[in-house]
């Protein structure tokens, strides 16, 4: 079974999100930690980024 393309995934790992949105890993992790419940959730010990909500976050913020 081929992997689902990132633009169709509901959630992205920190690494996937950093690559997809062209943001550094440290910055992506910091954004996830600061916005838990907004566009980030924790699954076990991993942060997951809700792609659509993060896209909205980017549209509504002039700087990250």
PDB file of N, CA and C in Angstrom:
ATOM      1  N   UNK A   1       0.856  -1.188   0.000  1.00  0.00           N
ATOM      2  CA  UNK A   1       0.000   0.000   0.000  1.00  0.00           C
ATOM      3  C   UNK A   1       0.894   1.240   0.000  1.00  0.00           C
ATOM      4  N   UNK A   2       0.776   2.095  -0.991  1.00  0.00           N
ATOM      5  CA  UNK A   2       1.609   3.295  -1.028  1.00  0.00           C
ATOM      6  C   UNK A   2       1.221   4.274   0.077  1.00  0.00           C
ATOM      7  N   UNK A   3       2.185   5.030   0.554  1.00  0.00           N
ATOM      8  CA  UNK A   3       1.934   6.020   1.604  1.00  0.00           C
ATOM      9  C   UNK A   3       1.040   7.129   1.063  1.00  0.00           C
ATOM     10  N   UNK A   4       0.184   7.637   1.929  1.00  0.00           N
ATOM     11  CA  UNK A   4      -0.708   8.726   1.548  1.00  0.00           C
ATOM     12  C   UNK A   4       0.105  10.015   1.390  1.00  0.00           C
ATOM     13  N   UNK A   5      -0.164  10.790   0.332  1.00  0.00           N
ATOM     14  CA  UNK A   5       0.565  12.056   0.181  1.00  0.00           C
ATOM     15  C   UNK A   5       0.296  12.982   1.372  1.00  0.00           C
ATOM     16  N   UNK A   6       1.279  13.786   1.731  1.00  0.00           N
ATOM     17  CA  UNK A   6       1.161  14.654   2.904  1.00  0.00           C
ATOM     18  C   UNK A   6      -0.010  15.631   2.801  1.00  0.00           C
ATOM     19  N   UNK A   7      -0.310  16.108   1.607  1.00  0.00           N
ATOM     20  CA  UNK A   7      -1.400  17.084   1.479  1.00  0.00           C
ATOM     21  C   UNK A   7      -2.774  16.471   1.725  1.00  0.00           C
ATOM     22  N   UNK A   8      -2.866  15.147   1.791  1.00  0.00           N
ATOM     23  CA  UNK A   8      -4.128  14.476   2.101  1.00  0.00           C
ATOM     24  C   UNK A   8      -4.187  13.984   3.547  1.00  0.00           C
ATOM     25  N   UNK A   9      -3.060  14.006   4.246  1.00  0.00           N
ATOM     26  CA  UNK A   9      -3.020  13.517   5.629  1.00  0.00           C
ATOM     27  C   UNK A   9      -3.723  14.485   6.561  1.00  0.00           C
ATOM     28  N   UNK A  10      -4.480  13.934   7.507  1.00  0.00           N
ATOM     29  CA  UNK A  10      -5.159  14.774   8.500  1.00  0.00           C
ATOM     30  C   UNK A  10      -4.147  15.312   9.508  1.00  0.00           C
ATOM     31  N   UNK A  11      -3.257  14.441   9.990  1.00  0.00           N
ATOM     32  CA  UNK A  11      -2.217  14.866  10.926  1.00  0.00           C
ATOM     33  C   UNK A  11      -0.843  14.591  10.334  1.00  0.00           C
ATOM     34  N   UNK A  12       0.109  15.406  10.757  1.00  0.00           N
ATOM     35  CA  UNK A  12       1.497  15.264  10.337  1.00  0.00           C
ATOM     36  C   UNK A  12       2.384  15.196  11.566  1.00  0.00           C
ATOM     37  N   UNK A  13       3.443  14.414  11.478  1.00  0.00           N
ATOM     38  CA  UNK A  13       4.439  14.420  12.547  1.00  0.00           C
ATOM     39  C   UNK A  13       5.183  15.755  12.488  1.00  0.00           C
ATOM     40  N   UNK A  14       5.961  16.029  13.519  1.00  0.00           N
ATOM     41  CA  UNK A  14       6.761  17.269  13.531  1.00  0.00           C
ATOM     42  C   UNK A  14       7.667  17.316  12.306  1.00  0.00           C
ATOM     43  N   UNK A  15       8.325  16.204  12.022  1.00  0.00           N
ATOM     44  CA  UNK A  15       9.259  16.146  10.890  1.00  0.00           C
ATOM     45  C   UNK A  15       8.533  16.340   9.560  1.00  0.00           C
ATOM     46  N   UNK A  16       7.393  15.677   9.392  1.00  0.00           N
ATOM     47  CA  UNK A  16       6.614  15.824   8.159  1.00  0.00           C
ATOM     48  C   UNK A  16       6.124  17.263   8.000  1.00  0.00           C
ATOM     49  N   UNK A  17       5.622  17.850   9.084  1.00  0.00           N
ATOM     50  CA  UNK A  17       5.113  19.224   9.032  1.00  0.00           C
ATOM     51  C   UNK A  17       6.236  20.213   8.719  1.00  0.00           C
ATOM     52  N   UNK A  18       7.395  20.011   9.325  1.00  0.00           N
ATOM     53  CA  UNK A  18       8.528  20.900   9.075  1.00  0.00           C
ATOM     54  C   UNK A  18       8.926  20.851   7.598  1.00  0.00           C
ATOM     55  N   UNK A  19       8.940  19.657   7.032  1.00  0.00           N
ATOM     56  CA  UNK A  19       9.276  19.502   5.612  1.00  0.00           C
ATOM     57  C   UNK A  19       8.191  20.104   4.729  1.00  0.00           C
ATOM     58  N   UNK A  20       6.945  19.770   5.013  1.00  0.00           N
ATOM     59  CA  UNK A  20       5.814  20.215   4.193  1.00  0.00           C
ATOM     60  C   UNK A  20       5.685  21.735   4.168  1.00  0.00           C
ATOM     61  N   UNK A  21       5.856  22.376   5.334  1.00  0.00           N
ATOM     62  CA  UNK A  21       5.682  23.823   5.435  1.00  0.00           C
ATOM     63  C   UNK A  21       6.993  24.596   5.356  1.00  0.00           C
ATOM     64  N   UNK A  22       8.102  23.890   5.149  1.00  0.00           N
ATOM     65  CA  UNK A  22       9.430  24.507   5.030  1.00  0.00           C
ATOM     66  C   UNK A  22       9.781  25.350   6.268  1.00  0.00           C
ATOM     67  N   UNK A  23       9.605  24.740   7.426  1.00  0.00           N
ATOM     68  CA  UNK A  23       9.918  25.357   8.714  1.00  0.00           C
ATOM     69  C   UNK A  23      10.929  24.441   9.404  1.00  0.00           C
ATOM     70  N   UNK A  24      11.863  24.991  10.139  1.00  0.00           N
ATOM     71  CA  UNK A  24      12.856  24.186  10.841  1.00  0.00           C
ATOM     72  C   UNK A  24      12.220  23.280  11.887  1.00  0.00           C
ATOM     73  N   UNK A  25      12.895  22.164  12.178  1.00  0.00           N
ATOM     74  CA  UNK A  25      12.380  21.201  13.159  1.00  0.00           C
ATOM     75  C   UNK A  25      12.197  21.819  14.537  1.00  0.00           C
ATOM     76  N   UNK A  26      13.201  22.567  15.003  1.00  0.00           N
ATOM     77  CA  UNK A  26      13.103  23.181  16.337  1.00  0.00           C
ATOM     78  C   UNK A  26      11.952  24.180  16.406  1.00  0.00           C
ATOM     79  N   UNK A  27      11.796  24.969  15.369  1.00  0.00           N
ATOM     80  CA  UNK A  27      10.711  25.960  15.331  1.00  0.00           C
ATOM     81  C   UNK A  27       9.355  25.250  15.286  1.00  0.00           C
ATOM     82  N   UNK A  28       9.257  24.172  14.500  1.00  0.00           N
ATOM     83  CA  UNK A  28       8.000  23.430  14.396  1.00  0.00           C
ATOM     84  C   UNK A  28       7.631  22.811  15.734  1.00  0.00           C
ATOM     85  N   UNK A  29       8.615  22.235  16.437  1.00  0.00           N
ATOM     86  CA  UNK A  29       8.358  21.649  17.752  1.00  0.00           C
ATOM     87  C   UNK A  29       7.926  22.723  18.743  1.00  0.00           C
ATOM     88  N   UNK A  30       8.573  23.872  18.719  1.00  0.00           N
ATOM     89  CA  UNK A  30       8.221  24.972  19.623  1.00  0.00           C
ATOM     90  C   UNK A  30       6.797  25.454  19.342  1.00  0.00           C
ATOM     91  N   UNK A  31       6.445  25.600  18.072  1.00  0.00           N
ATOM     92  CA  UNK A  31       5.080  26.002  17.720  1.00  0.00           C
ATOM     93  C   UNK A  31       4.063  24.984  18.220  1.00  0.00           C
ATOM     94  N   UNK A  32       4.375  23.699  18.092  1.00  0.00           N
ATOM     95  CA  UNK A  32       3.469  22.648  18.567  1.00  0.00           C
ATOM     96  C   UNK A  32       3.302  22.723  20.078  1.00  0.00           C
ATOM     97  N   UNK A  33       4.405  22.909  20.807  1.00  0.00           N
ATOM     98  CA  UNK A  33       4.347  22.990  22.270  1.00  0.00           C
ATOM     99  C   UNK A  33       3.530  24.197  22.724  1.00  0.00           C
ATOM    100  N   UNK A  34       3.685  25.329  22.030  1.00  0.00           N
ATOM    101  CA  UNK A  34       3.004  26.566  22.416  1.00  0.00           C
ATOM    102  C   UNK A  34       1.536  26.580  22.001  1.00  0.00           C
ATOM    103  N   UNK A  35       1.156  25.737  21.053  1.00  0.00           N
ATOM    104  CA  UNK A  35      -0.207  25.760  20.514  1.00  0.00           C
ATOM    105  C   UNK A  35      -0.918  24.429  20.678  1.00  0.00           C
ATOM    106  N   UNK A  36      -0.610  23.747  21.761  1.00  0.00           N
ATOM    107  CA  UNK A  36      -1.266  22.479  22.057  1.00  0.00           C
ATOM    108  C   UNK A  36      -2.761  22.728  22.221  1.00  0.00           C
ATOM    109  N   UNK A  37      -3.565  21.986  21.509  1.00  0.00           N
ATOM    110  CA  UNK A  37      -5.006  22.173  21.552  1.00  0.00           C
ATOM    111  C   UNK A  37      -5.528  23.085  20.458  1.00  0.00           C
ATOM    112  N   UNK A  38      -4.658  23.878  19.864  1.00  0.00           N
ATOM    113  CA  UNK A  38      -5.058  24.737  18.749  1.00  0.00           C
ATOM    114  C   UNK A  38      -4.901  23.973  17.439  1.00  0.00           C
ATOM    115  N   UNK A  39      -3.651  23.642  17.092  1.00  0.00           N
ATOM    116  CA  UNK A  39      -3.404  22.829  15.902  1.00  0.00           C
ATOM    117  C   UNK A  39      -2.516  21.631  16.200  1.00  0.00           C
ATOM    118  N   UNK A  40      -2.101  21.491  17.452  1.00  0.00           N
ATOM    119  CA  UNK A  40      -1.232  20.379  17.833  1.00  0.00           C
ATOM    120  C   UNK A  40      -1.912  19.514  18.891  1.00  0.00           C
ATOM    121  N   UNK A  41      -1.684  18.213  18.804  1.00  0.00           N
ATOM    122  CA  UNK A  41      -2.174  17.258  19.796  1.00  0.00           C
ATOM    123  C   UNK A  41      -1.021  16.337  20.160  1.00  0.00           C
ATOM    124  N   UNK A  42      -1.138  15.686  21.317  1.00  0.00           N
ATOM    125  CA  UNK A  42      -0.127  14.727  21.734  1.00  0.00           C
ATOM    126  C   UNK A  42      -0.716  13.327  21.631  1.00  0.00           C
ATOM    127  N   UNK A  43       0.017  12.456  21.000  1.00  0.00           N
ATOM    128  CA  UNK A  43      -0.343  11.039  20.919  1.00  0.00           C
ATOM    129  C   UNK A  43       0.802  10.263  21.549  1.00  0.00           C
ATOM    130  N   UNK A  44       0.597   9.796  22.777  1.00  0.00           N
ATOM    131  CA  UNK A  44       1.696   9.154  23.505  1.00  0.00           C
ATOM    132  C   UNK A  44       2.717  10.199  23.867  1.00  0.00           C
ATOM    133  N   UNK A  45       3.920  10.073  23.314  1.00  0.00           N
ATOM    134  CA  UNK A  45       4.957  11.077  23.567  1.00  0.00           C
ATOM    135  C   UNK A  45       5.282  11.863  22.298  1.00  0.00           C
ATOM    136  N   UNK A  46       4.411  11.794  21.290  1.00  0.00           N
ATOM    137  CA  UNK A  46       4.644  12.471  20.016  1.00  0.00           C
ATOM    138  C   UNK A  46       3.643  13.601  19.810  1.00  0.00           C
ATOM    139  N   UNK A  47       4.141  14.706  19.301  1.00  0.00           N
ATOM    140  CA  UNK A  47       3.259  15.789  18.876  1.00  0.00           C
ATOM    141  C   UNK A  47       2.797  15.495  17.461  1.00  0.00           C
ATOM    142  N   UNK A  48       1.529  15.736  17.202  1.00  0.00           N
ATOM    143  CA  UNK A  48       0.986  15.637  15.854  1.00  0.00           C
ATOM    144  C   UNK A  48       0.376  16.988  15.499  1.00  0.00           C
ATOM    145  N   UNK A  49       0.573  17.386  14.260  1.00  0.00           N
ATOM    146  CA  UNK A  49       0.069  18.662  13.764  1.00  0.00           C
ATOM    147  C   UNK A  49      -1.163  18.389  12.913  1.00  0.00           C
ATOM    148  N   UNK A  50      -2.268  19.043  13.235  1.00  0.00           N
ATOM    149  CA  UNK A  50      -3.468  18.936  12.419  1.00  0.00           C
ATOM    150  C   UNK A  50      -3.265  19.895  11.238  1.00  0.00           C
ATOM    151  N   UNK A  51      -3.040  19.317  10.079  1.00  0.00           N
ATOM    152  CA  UNK A  51      -2.597  20.066   8.902  1.00  0.00           C
ATOM    153  C   UNK A  51      -3.516  21.240   8.558  1.00  0.00           C
ATOM    154  N   UNK A  52      -4.811  21.011   8.454  1.00  0.00           N
ATOM    155  CA  UNK A  52      -5.744  22.064   8.051  1.00  0.00           C
ATOM    156  C   UNK A  52      -5.754  23.202   9.073  1.00  0.00           C
ATOM    157  N   UNK A  53      -5.721  22.864  10.356  1.00  0.00           N
ATOM    158  CA  UNK A  53      -5.721  23.906  11.396  1.00  0.00           C
ATOM    159  C   UNK A  53      -4.412  24.691  11.383  1.00  0.00           C
ATOM    160  N   UNK A  54      -3.293  24.015  11.079  1.00  0.00           N
ATOM    161  CA  UNK A  54      -2.024  24.732  10.999  1.00  0.00           C
ATOM    162  C   UNK A  54      -2.007  25.655   9.783  1.00  0.00           C
ATOM    163  N   UNK A  55      -2.608  25.221   8.680  1.00  0.00           N
ATOM    164  CA  UNK A  55      -2.703  26.095   7.506  1.00  0.00           C
ATOM    165  C   UNK A  55      -3.496  27.353   7.846  1.00  0.00           C
ATOM    166  N   UNK A  56      -4.587  27.205   8.602  1.00  0.00           N
ATOM    167  CA  UNK A  56      -5.377  28.363   9.035  1.00  0.00           C
ATOM    168  C   UNK A  56      -4.559  29.258   9.944  1.00  0.00           C
ATOM    169  N   UNK A  57      -3.781  28.643  10.853  1.00  0.00           N
ATOM    170  CA  UNK A  57      -2.912  29.394  11.756  1.00  0.00           C
ATOM    171  C   UNK A  57      -1.928  30.244  10.951  1.00  0.00           C
ATOM    172  N   UNK A  58      -1.338  29.666   9.919  1.00  0.00           N
ATOM    173  CA  UNK A  58      -0.382  30.403   9.093  1.00  0.00           C
ATOM    174  C   UNK A  58      -1.049  31.557   8.359  1.00  0.00           C
ATOM    175  N   UNK A  59      -2.261  31.348   7.878  1.00  0.00           N
ATOM    176  CA  UNK A  59      -2.988  32.396   7.162  1.00  0.00           C
ATOM    177  C   UNK A  59      -3.345  33.574   8.076  1.00  0.00           C
ATOM    178  N   UNK A  60      -3.564  33.284   9.359  1.00  0.00           N
ATOM    179  CA  UNK A  60      -3.999  34.314  10.302  1.00  0.00           C
ATOM    180  C   UNK A  60      -2.869  34.976  11.054  1.00  0.00           C
ATOM    181  N   UNK A  61      -1.622  34.573  10.815  1.00  0.00           N
ATOM    182  CA  UNK A  61      -0.470  35.151  11.521  1.00  0.00           C
ATOM    183  C   UNK A  61       0.539  35.651  10.506  1.00  0.00           C
ATOM    184  N   UNK A  62       0.981  36.901  10.687  1.00  0.00           N
ATOM    185  CA  UNK A  62       1.931  37.480   9.748  1.00  0.00           C
ATOM    186  C   UNK A  62       3.362  37.034  10.028  1.00  0.00           C
ATOM    187  N   UNK A  63       3.627  36.531  11.236  1.00  0.00           N
ATOM    188  CA  UNK A  63       4.967  36.024  11.549  1.00  0.00           C
ATOM    189  C   UNK A  63       4.841  34.839  12.478  1.00  0.00           C
ATOM    190  N   UNK A  64       5.823  33.939  12.380  1.00  0.00           N
ATOM    191  CA  UNK A  64       5.831  32.780  13.266  1.00  0.00           C
ATOM    192  C   UNK A  64       7.157  32.712  13.980  1.00  0.00           C
TER     193      UNK A  64
END
